[in-house]
Amino acid sequence: MSSLRVRLFALVAAITLLVWSGAATWTALSTRAEVQRVLDGRLVEAARMVAALDIPLRDEPRQVTPSAYTRQLSCQIWSLSGHLVGRSAGAPDAPLGGGGAGFAEREIGGQQWRVYTHIDAAKGLRVMVGDNLSVRRRLVTDMMIGLLAPALAGLVALGVLLWLGVRRGLRPLDTLARGIASRSPSALAPFDEGASPVEMRPVVQEMNGLLRRLDAARRAERDFVANAAHELQTPLAGLKTQAEVARRARDAGMRDHALEQITRSVDRTSRLVRQLLNLAREESRVEDHCPATTLVDDALAEVLDDYRGAAEAAGMKMVTGHGCSFIAVPMTADALRLAIGNLVENAILYASEGGEVRLECEEDERHTEIRVIDRGLGIAAEDRERLLRRFERGAGGHGAGSGLGLSIVEAAAHASGATLQLRNAEGGGLLAAIRFGPRS
């Protein structure tokens, strides 16, 4: 059952029918018992009233002349000696009662009778007044039908009113759906929460939160595309210029120089494109609350192999400190290698020539840190937040950075529930740390 309207109506109707059935059953049983009590009381009153009359004893029984009116009571008057004194029209010839005073039920002529016998010893009379039980049951049935038929009609009317009420009560959902359907894809303004019922406000609030996130993502995408186009424009323009120089150069030395510049420009552009793809992939990852764990030692070994050549070319050495053995962090292996690799690459670009890039770990009950330390100029405190933005470059680098490395690291860390922290290292330089929360 996928319709909320039908489910709500079925629930309310089922509860209503259950309560109505209980009330109808109780009413029927109590009414039946009350009718039986009233009819029994009528038998008692009729017998006593007949006994109070002055009835002479005769040899021949007296019989009331029948009429067109169908009587519901039958009456017999017997002497205590067993002589029939009189009877009402329609009463059977056989005695209605068994002779004793009080109520009794007997079968006479294939019909069931309920009889009350009153004995007047002073007059020597035994008065029997009875109901044919078939007549009594028909009376009770007619009364039940008279009570339940209007109730059933009312139940049907109540069902119709419930259906209309449920439709009207769910109208705000239809209004919200029409509002969503009528919006253009570019309309990301939040919905008015005050215009919604209290029960729908959590839905509207979550939807507004989603719209805000979509708006932020769209702005970030526009900024990203604009910045990427701007950053790619410069090396592409340089490529074109150097290609023109190489094409027109008559001197072999000038041509070789232009081709070398083209090679460097292609390398920078390739690195920029690679980092743009890495950033897009990491930002698209959703934070995983149960991520796979990766041994830091394995990731560091691969990063050292990847960047040892670049470090040697820059006149630096890479050193692995103690503390990283057997440490596992909640991050995928690819993301961890990417994050550490970008920090190492930045350290090589901005560290002092002839220095070292140090990789170490620290773990306690509160957190786990993977640190990359260089001996360069460091970053001023006021510049750290700026350098976490895309395409922002630090001063003093001797390489061609793209300004995306720290953004990639931050995106990869955020997707794994970690943070990127930048602070000055003891003795100078920059300490970049990927910090994970308490161990579970």
Protein backbone atom coordinates (compact mmCIF):
# COMPACT_ATOMS: atom_id res chain seq x y z
CA MET A 1 0.00 0.00 0.00
CA SER A 2 1.99 2.95 -1.32
CA SER A 3 -0.63 5.71 -0.95
CA LEU A 4 -0.29 7.66 2.27
CA ARG A 5 -3.88 8.84 1.88
CA VAL A 6 -5.19 5.26 1.63
CA ARG A 7 -3.00 4.06 4.50
CA LEU A 8 -4.16 6.86 6.79
CA PHE A 9 -7.80 6.33 5.85
CA ALA A 10 -7.50 2.56 6.37
CA LEU A 11 -5.92 3.07 9.79
CA VAL A 12 -8.55 5.56 10.98
CA ALA A 13 -11.39 3.50 9.47
CA ALA A 14 -10.11 0.30 11.10
CA ILE A 15 -9.91 1.95 14.52
CA THR A 16 -13.36 3.50 14.05
CA LEU A 17 -14.86 0.16 12.94
CA LEU A 18 -13.27 -1.61 15.90
CA VAL A 19 -14.70 0.92 18.39
CA TRP A 20 -18.07 0.92 16.62
CA SER A 21 -18.25 -2.89 16.61
CA GLY A 22 -17.52 -3.02 20.33
CA ALA A 23 -20.12 -0.36 21.06
CA ALA A 24 -22.69 -2.05 18.79
CA THR A 25 -22.11 -5.45 20.42
CA TRP A 26 -22.45 -4.00 23.90
CA THR A 27 -25.60 -2.11 22.88
CA ALA A 28 -27.17 -5.20 21.30
CA LEU A 29 -26.44 -7.42 24.29
CA SER A 30 -27.58 -4.87 26.87
CA THR A 31 -30.72 -4.01 24.86
CA ARG A 32 -31.59 -7.69 24.42
CA ALA A 33 -31.21 -8.30 28.15
CA GLU A 34 -33.29 -5.22 28.97
CA VAL A 35 -36.05 -6.25 26.52
CA GLN A 36 -36.14 -9.74 28.03
CA ARG A 37 -36.45 -8.22 31.50
CA VAL A 38 -39.24 -5.90 30.37
CA LEU A 39 -41.16 -8.76 28.69
CA ASP A 40 -40.76 -10.95 31.76
CA GLY A 41 -42.03 -8.09 33.87
CA ARG A 42 -45.01 -7.80 31.57
CA LEU A 43 -45.85 -11.47 32.12
CA VAL A 44 -45.73 -11.02 35.89
CA GLU A 45 -47.93 -7.90 35.83
CA ALA A 46 -50.44 -9.51 33.46
CA ALA A 47 -50.74 -12.65 35.62
CA ARG A 48 -51.25 -10.65 38.79
CA MET A 49 -53.79 -8.37 37.12
CA VAL A 50 -55.84 -11.34 35.90
CA ALA A 51 -55.67 -12.96 39.33
CA ALA A 52 -57.01 -9.77 40.90
CA LEU A 53 -60.20 -9.96 38.84
CA ASP A 54 -63.39 -11.53 40.24
CA ILE A 55 -63.52 -14.70 38.20
CA PRO A 56 -66.38 -17.12 38.94
CA LEU A 57 -65.63 -20.82 38.68
CA ARG A 58 -67.71 -22.52 35.93
CA ASP A 59 -68.03 -25.98 34.64
CA GLU A 60 -67.44 -24.87 31.07
CA PRO A 61 -64.25 -22.89 30.38
CA ARG A 62 -64.72 -19.35 29.26
CA GLN A 63 -62.91 -18.26 26.09
CA VAL A 64 -62.33 -14.70 24.92
CA THR A 65 -63.67 -14.03 21.45
CA PRO A 66 -60.76 -13.68 18.99
CA SER A 67 -60.23 -10.40 17.17
CA ALA A 68 -58.29 -9.19 14.19
CA TYR A 69 -55.61 -7.96 16.58
CA THR A 70 -52.83 -10.47 16.93
CA ARG A 71 -52.17 -10.90 20.58
CA GLN A 72 -48.65 -11.27 21.89
CA LEU A 73 -49.67 -12.82 25.23
CA SER A 74 -51.62 -16.00 25.91
CA CYS A 75 -53.38 -16.52 29.21
CA GLN A 76 -54.94 -19.56 30.95
CA ILE A 77 -56.86 -19.68 34.23
CA TRP A 78 -56.90 -22.99 36.00
CA SER A 79 -58.45 -24.06 39.27
CA LEU A 80 -56.13 -25.62 41.78
CA SER A 81 -57.98 -28.88 41.17
CA GLY A 82 -56.84 -28.82 37.51
CA HIS A 83 -60.07 -27.56 35.92
CA LEU A 84 -59.66 -25.00 33.06
CA VAL A 85 -61.63 -21.92 34.03
CA GLY A 86 -60.81 -19.72 31.02
CA ARG A 87 -58.27 -18.89 28.38
CA SER A 88 -57.47 -16.15 25.90
CA ALA A 89 -57.96 -16.44 22.18
CA GLY A 90 -55.06 -18.30 20.59
CA ALA A 91 -53.96 -19.92 23.83
CA PRO A 92 -53.25 -23.66 23.49
CA ASP A 93 -55.52 -26.24 25.08
CA ALA A 94 -52.68 -27.84 27.00
CA PRO A 95 -51.52 -26.12 30.19
CA LEU A 96 -48.91 -23.43 29.53
CA GLY A 97 -47.06 -24.02 32.77
CA GLY A 98 -45.97 -27.00 34.74
CA GLY A 99 -48.03 -26.16 37.79
CA GLY A 100 -45.45 -24.52 40.01
CA ALA A 101 -45.26 -20.78 40.61
CA GLY A 102 -42.71 -18.67 38.74
CA PHE A 103 -41.10 -18.72 35.29
CA ALA A 104 -40.77 -21.76 33.10
CA GLU A 105 -40.17 -22.61 29.46
CA ARG A 106 -42.16 -25.40 27.78
CA GLU A 107 -42.67 -26.84 24.35
CA ILE A 108 -46.34 -27.07 23.40
CA GLY A 109 -47.44 -28.19 19.98
CA GLY A 110 -43.92 -27.87 18.60
CA GLN A 111 -43.56 -24.26 19.84
CA GLN A 112 -41.50 -22.88 22.68
CA TRP A 113 -43.25 -20.83 25.35
CA ARG A 114 -42.03 -18.75 28.25
CA VAL A 115 -44.64 -18.82 30.98
CA TYR A 116 -45.16 -17.14 34.32
CA THR A 117 -47.50 -18.91 36.75
CA HIS A 118 -49.22 -17.04 39.58
CA ILE A 119 -51.05 -19.06 42.27
CA ASP A 120 -53.82 -17.45 44.33
CA ALA A 121 -54.57 -19.96 47.08
CA ALA A 122 -57.35 -17.80 48.55
CA LYS A 123 -59.37 -17.92 45.31
CA GLY A 124 -58.19 -21.38 44.36
CA LEU A 125 -56.82 -20.17 41.02
CA ARG A 126 -53.69 -20.74 39.05
CA VAL A 127 -53.08 -18.02 36.40
CA MET A 128 -50.63 -18.77 33.59
CA VAL A 129 -49.48 -16.02 31.20
CA GLY A 130 -47.03 -16.90 28.43
CA ASP A 131 -45.13 -15.56 25.44
CA ASN A 132 -44.57 -17.56 22.32
CA LEU A 133 -40.76 -17.41 22.11
CA SER A 134 -40.83 -17.11 18.31
CA VAL A 135 -42.95 -13.96 18.72
CA ARG A 136 -40.59 -12.71 21.42
CA ARG A 137 -37.50 -13.39 19.24
CA ARG A 138 -39.13 -11.61 16.31
CA LEU A 139 -39.82 -8.63 18.56
CA VAL A 140 -36.21 -8.53 19.77
CA THR A 141 -34.89 -8.93 16.20
CA ASP A 142 -37.05 -6.10 14.92
CA MET A 143 -35.81 -3.91 17.74
CA MET A 144 -32.15 -4.77 16.96
CA ILE A 145 -32.68 -3.99 13.28
CA GLY A 146 -34.31 -0.70 14.24
CA LEU A 147 -31.25 0.16 16.33
CA LEU A 148 -28.46 -1.11 14.07
CA ALA A 149 -29.75 -0.04 10.64
CA PRO A 150 -29.39 3.71 11.38
CA ALA A 151 -26.02 2.99 13.02
CA LEU A 152 -24.79 1.19 9.88
CA ALA A 153 -25.98 4.04 7.70
CA GLY A 154 -24.18 6.44 10.02
CA LEU A 155 -21.04 4.30 9.78
CA VAL A 156 -21.07 4.55 5.98
CA ALA A 157 -21.59 8.32 6.21
CA LEU A 158 -18.74 8.50 8.73
CA GLY A 159 -16.47 6.61 6.31
CA VAL A 160 -17.22 9.13 3.56
CA LEU A 161 -16.54 12.03 5.93
CA LEU A 162 -13.29 10.40 7.09
CA TRP A 163 -12.11 10.02 3.49
CA LEU A 164 -12.89 13.66 2.75
CA GLY A 165 -11.21 14.71 5.98
CA VAL A 166 -8.06 12.72 5.21
CA ARG A 167 -7.89 14.24 1.73
CA ARG A 168 -8.26 17.73 3.15
CA GLY A 169 -5.76 17.04 5.93
CA LEU A 170 -3.12 15.92 3.41
CA ARG A 171 -3.68 18.89 1.15
CA PRO A 172 -0.48 20.64 2.40
CA LEU A 173 1.50 17.71 0.94
CA ASP A 174 -0.12 18.29 -2.44
CA THR A 175 0.63 22.00 -2.14
CA LEU A 176 4.29 21.27 -1.37
CA ALA A 177 4.50 18.81 -4.27
CA ARG A 178 3.04 21.38 -6.67
CA GLY A 179 5.49 23.97 -5.37
CA ILE A 180 8.41 21.66 -6.05
CA ALA A 181 7.11 20.68 -9.49
CA SER A 182 6.61 24.30 -10.53
CA ARG A 183 10.18 25.32 -9.67
CA SER A 184 12.85 25.68 -12.30
CA PRO A 185 16.11 23.74 -11.81
CA SER A 186 17.92 26.97 -11.01
CA ALA A 187 15.48 28.03 -8.24
CA LEU A 188 17.15 26.95 -4.99
CA ALA A 189 15.49 29.40 -2.60
CA PRO A 190 14.20 27.71 0.60
CA PHE A 191 10.53 26.98 1.19
CA ASP A 192 8.56 28.94 3.77
CA GLU A 193 8.59 26.77 6.88
CA GLY A 194 5.98 28.87 8.69
CA ALA A 195 3.35 28.10 6.03
CA SER A 196 3.60 24.35 6.65
CA PRO A 197 1.82 22.38 9.39
CA VAL A 198 3.90 21.45 12.42
CA GLU A 199 4.00 17.78 11.36
CA MET A 200 5.48 18.70 7.95
CA ARG A 201 8.07 21.17 9.18
CA PRO A 202 10.83 18.56 9.70
CA VAL A 203 10.40 17.52 6.05
CA VAL A 204 10.45 21.14 4.86
CA GLN A 205 13.47 21.89 7.06
CA GLU A 206 15.42 18.93 5.69
CA MET A 207 14.43 19.92 2.16
CA ASN A 208 15.61 23.48 2.76
CA GLY A 209 18.89 22.08 4.11
CA LEU A 210 19.27 20.05 0.93
CA LEU A 211 18.55 23.13 -1.19
CA ARG A 212 21.18 25.10 0.71
CA ARG A 213 23.73 22.34 0.16
CA LEU A 214 22.86 22.19 -3.52
CA ASP A 215 23.20 25.96 -3.79
CA ALA A 216 26.60 25.85 -2.09
CA ALA A 217 27.69 22.99 -4.35
CA ARG A 218 26.55 24.87 -7.43
CA ARG A 219 28.43 28.02 -6.37
CA ALA A 220 31.53 25.94 -5.64
CA GLU A 221 31.21 24.27 -9.04
CA ARG A 222 30.91 27.65 -10.80
CA ASP A 223 33.92 28.98 -8.91
CA PHE A 224 35.85 25.81 -9.64
CA VAL A 225 35.13 25.93 -13.35
CA ALA A 226 35.99 29.64 -13.51
CA ASN A 227 39.25 29.17 -11.61
CA ALA A 228 40.17 26.08 -13.59
CA ALA A 229 39.54 27.89 -16.88
CA HIS A 230 41.66 30.80 -15.67
CA GLU A 231 44.50 28.55 -14.48
CA LEU A 232 44.50 26.51 -17.68
CA GLN A 233 44.46 29.60 -19.86
CA THR A 234 47.96 30.70 -18.79
CA PRO A 235 49.88 27.47 -19.61
CA LEU A 236 47.88 27.00 -22.82
CA ALA A 237 48.76 30.53 -23.92
CA GLY A 238 52.41 29.82 -23.04
CA LEU A 239 52.28 26.62 -25.07
CA LYS A 240 50.97 28.51 -28.08
CA THR A 241 53.61 31.22 -27.75
CA GLN A 242 56.49 28.77 -27.40
CA ALA A 243 55.15 26.73 -30.32
CA GLU A 244 55.17 29.86 -32.48
CA VAL A 245 58.70 30.65 -31.36
CA ALA A 246 59.87 27.13 -32.18
CA ARG A 247 58.14 27.20 -35.57
CA ARG A 248 59.71 30.52 -36.62
CA ALA A 249 63.12 30.07 -35.00
CA ARG A 250 66.04 29.84 -37.45
CA ASP A 251 68.60 29.22 -34.75
CA ALA A 252 68.76 25.64 -33.40
CA GLY A 253 69.53 26.85 -29.88
CA MET A 254 66.45 29.08 -29.82
CA ARG A 255 64.34 26.24 -31.18
CA ASP A 256 65.62 23.81 -28.54
CA HIS A 257 64.95 26.35 -25.80
CA ALA A 258 61.39 26.85 -27.03
CA LEU A 259 60.81 23.09 -27.17
CA GLU A 260 62.14 22.75 -23.63
CA GLN A 261 59.72 25.43 -22.47
CA ILE A 262 56.90 23.60 -24.23
CA THR A 263 57.85 20.39 -22.40
CA ARG A 264 57.81 22.16 -19.04
CA SER A 265 54.51 23.82 -19.83
CA VAL A 266 52.99 20.46 -20.79
CA ASP A 267 54.28 18.98 -17.51
CA ARG A 268 52.73 21.81 -15.50
CA THR A 269 49.45 21.51 -17.39
CA SER A 270 49.38 17.74 -16.93
CA ARG A 271 50.03 18.15 -13.22
CA LEU A 272 47.25 20.76 -12.99
CA VAL A 273 44.77 18.52 -14.80
CA ARG A 274 45.75 15.55 -12.62
CA GLN A 275 45.22 17.56 -9.46
CA LEU A 276 41.90 18.92 -10.75
CA LEU A 277 40.71 15.35 -11.29
CA ASN A 278 41.96 14.29 -7.86
CA LEU A 279 40.21 17.21 -6.21
CA ALA A 280 36.94 16.49 -8.04
CA ARG A 281 37.10 12.82 -7.03
CA GLU A 282 37.79 13.53 -3.36
CA GLU A 283 35.12 16.22 -3.09
CA SER A 284 32.54 13.86 -4.60
CA ARG A 285 33.21 11.21 -1.97
CA VAL A 286 30.63 11.04 0.84
CA GLU A 287 31.89 10.77 4.39
CA ASP A 288 31.94 7.10 5.33
CA HIS A 289 31.04 6.37 8.94
CA CYS A 290 32.48 2.83 8.72
CA PRO A 291 35.48 3.23 6.36
CA ALA A 292 38.10 0.63 5.60
CA THR A 293 41.30 0.97 7.60
CA THR A 294 44.75 1.30 6.05
CA LEU A 295 48.17 0.70 7.57
CA VAL A 296 50.13 3.96 7.52
CA ASP A 297 53.43 2.11 6.95
CA ASP A 298 52.20 0.69 3.63
CA ALA A 299 51.02 4.09 2.38
CA LEU A 300 54.28 5.79 3.43
CA ALA A 301 56.38 3.17 1.62
CA GLU A 302 54.53 3.80 -1.64
CA VAL A 303 54.74 7.59 -1.26
CA LEU A 304 58.49 7.38 -0.61
CA ASP A 305 58.96 5.34 -3.78
CA ASP A 306 56.87 7.80 -5.82
CA TYR A 307 58.61 11.01 -4.65
CA ARG A 308 62.17 9.93 -3.90
CA GLY A 309 63.29 10.91 -7.41
CA ALA A 310 61.68 14.36 -7.15
CA ALA A 311 63.29 14.93 -3.76
CA GLU A 312 66.72 13.93 -5.03
CA ALA A 313 66.32 16.19 -8.04
CA ALA A 314 65.60 19.08 -5.66
CA GLY A 315 68.65 18.20 -3.54
CA MET A 316 66.58 16.94 -0.59
CA LYS A 317 66.30 13.73 1.29
CA MET A 318 63.17 12.06 2.68
CA VAL A 319 63.27 10.71 6.22
CA THR A 320 60.75 8.46 7.94
CA GLY A 321 60.52 8.99 11.68
CA HIS A 322 59.51 6.51 14.33
CA GLY A 323 55.93 5.89 15.47
CA CYS A 324 54.25 4.83 12.22
CA SER A 325 54.64 1.08 12.63
CA PHE A 326 51.40 -0.92 12.98
CA ILE A 327 49.22 2.22 13.00
CA ALA A 328 45.98 1.88 11.05
CA VAL A 329 43.74 4.82 10.20
CA PRO A 330 40.10 4.88 8.98
CA MET A 331 40.87 5.93 5.42
CA THR A 332 41.03 4.10 2.11
CA ALA A 333 44.49 3.28 0.82
CA ASP A 334 44.11 5.41 -2.33
CA ALA A 335 42.89 8.45 -0.40
CA LEU A 336 45.66 8.12 2.20
CA ARG A 337 48.38 7.84 -0.47
CA LEU A 338 46.91 10.83 -2.31
CA ALA A 339 46.79 12.99 0.83
CA ILE A 340 50.29 12.15 2.05
CA GLY A 341 51.68 12.44 -1.49
CA ASN A 342 50.34 15.97 -1.94
CA LEU A 343 51.79 17.05 1.40
CA VAL A 344 55.17 15.57 0.44
CA GLU A 345 55.00 17.25 -2.98
CA ASN A 346 54.27 20.61 -1.37
CA ALA A 347 57.13 20.11 1.06
CA ILE A 348 59.53 19.39 -1.81
CA LEU A 349 58.35 22.49 -3.68
CA TYR A 350 58.61 24.89 -0.73
CA ALA A 351 61.38 23.45 1.48
CA SER A 352 64.87 24.86 1.43
CA GLU A 353 67.25 23.21 -1.03
CA GLY A 354 69.50 20.66 0.59
CA GLY A 355 67.08 20.11 3.45
CA GLU A 356 64.91 17.17 4.31
CA VAL A 357 61.27 16.18 4.30
CA ARG A 358 60.35 14.21 7.40
CA LEU A 359 57.36 11.87 7.76
CA GLU A 360 56.32 10.77 11.23
CA CYS A 361 53.26 9.68 13.24
CA GLU A 362 51.90 10.27 16.70
CA GLU A 363 49.12 8.28 18.36
CA ASP A 364 47.46 8.43 21.76
CA GLU A 365 43.99 7.79 23.18
CA ARG A 366 42.66 11.11 21.84
CA HIS A 367 43.90 11.20 18.27
CA THR A 368 46.22 9.90 15.59
CA GLU A 369 48.36 12.26 13.50
CA ILE A 370 50.32 11.69 10.31
CA ARG A 371 52.82 14.51 9.94
CA VAL A 372 54.88 15.83 7.03
CA ILE A 373 57.56 18.30 8.16
CA ASP A 374 59.81 20.43 5.98
CA ARG A 375 62.55 22.92 6.79
CA GLY A 376 61.36 25.73 4.57
CA LEU A 377 60.10 29.18 5.44
CA GLY A 378 56.84 27.92 6.92
CA ILE A 379 53.50 29.69 6.57
CA ALA A 380 52.44 32.76 8.48
CA ALA A 381 49.44 32.20 10.73
CA GLU A 382 47.34 34.73 8.80
CA ASP A 383 48.00 32.93 5.50
CA ARG A 384 47.08 29.38 6.54
CA GLU A 385 43.37 29.64 6.00
CA ARG A 386 43.89 31.35 2.64
CA LEU A 387 46.22 28.63 1.39
CA LEU A 388 43.54 25.98 2.01
CA ARG A 389 41.48 27.57 -0.75
CA ARG A 390 41.84 26.43 -4.34
CA PHE A 391 44.51 27.91 -6.58
CA GLU A 392 46.12 29.82 -3.71
CA ARG A 393 49.90 29.56 -3.69
CA GLY A 394 52.43 30.27 -0.99
CA ALA A 395 55.45 32.49 -1.37
CA GLY A 396 58.97 31.20 -1.71
CA GLY A 397 58.35 28.05 -3.69
CA HIS A 398 61.01 27.03 -6.19
CA GLY A 399 58.64 24.85 -8.19
CA ALA A 400 55.57 25.42 -10.26
CA GLY A 401 52.76 24.65 -7.85
CA SER A 402 49.11 24.63 -8.91
CA GLY A 403 47.61 25.81 -5.62
CA LEU A 404 45.44 22.67 -5.34
CA GLY A 405 47.56 20.36 -3.18
CA LEU A 406 46.26 21.44 0.24
CA SER A 407 42.67 21.56 -1.07
CA ILE A 408 43.00 17.93 -2.21
CA VAL A 409 44.40 16.87 1.17
CA GLU A 410 41.61 18.66 3.03
CA ALA A 411 38.92 17.09 0.83
CA ALA A 412 40.36 13.58 1.28
CA ALA A 413 40.64 14.07 5.05
CA HIS A 414 37.12 15.45 5.38
CA ALA A 415 35.63 12.46 3.52
CA SER A 416 37.26 10.16 6.12
CA GLY A 417 36.27 12.22 9.16
CA ALA A 418 39.76 13.67 9.63
CA THR A 419 41.11 17.23 9.55
CA LEU A 420 44.13 18.96 8.03
CA GLN A 421 46.14 21.13 10.39
CA LEU A 422 48.98 23.49 9.49
CA ARG A 423 51.39 24.79 12.12
CA ASN A 424 54.99 25.86 12.42
CA ALA A 425 57.50 23.12 13.14
CA GLU A 426 60.03 23.32 15.93
CA GLY A 427 63.28 24.65 14.53
CA GLY A 428 61.56 26.26 11.55
CA GLY A 429 59.57 25.03 8.63
CA LEU A 430 56.00 23.82 8.25
CA LEU A 431 54.31 20.89 9.96
CA ALA A 432 51.26 19.62 8.05
CA ALA A 433 49.25 17.02 9.98
CA ILE A 434 46.31 14.82 9.02
CA ARG A 435 44.53 14.32 12.35
CA PHE A 436 42.09 11.50 13.03
CA GLY A 437 39.74 11.45 16.00
CA PRO A 438 39.72 9.07 18.99
CA ARG A 439 40.23 5.43 18.25
CA SER A 440 37.08 3.33 18.41
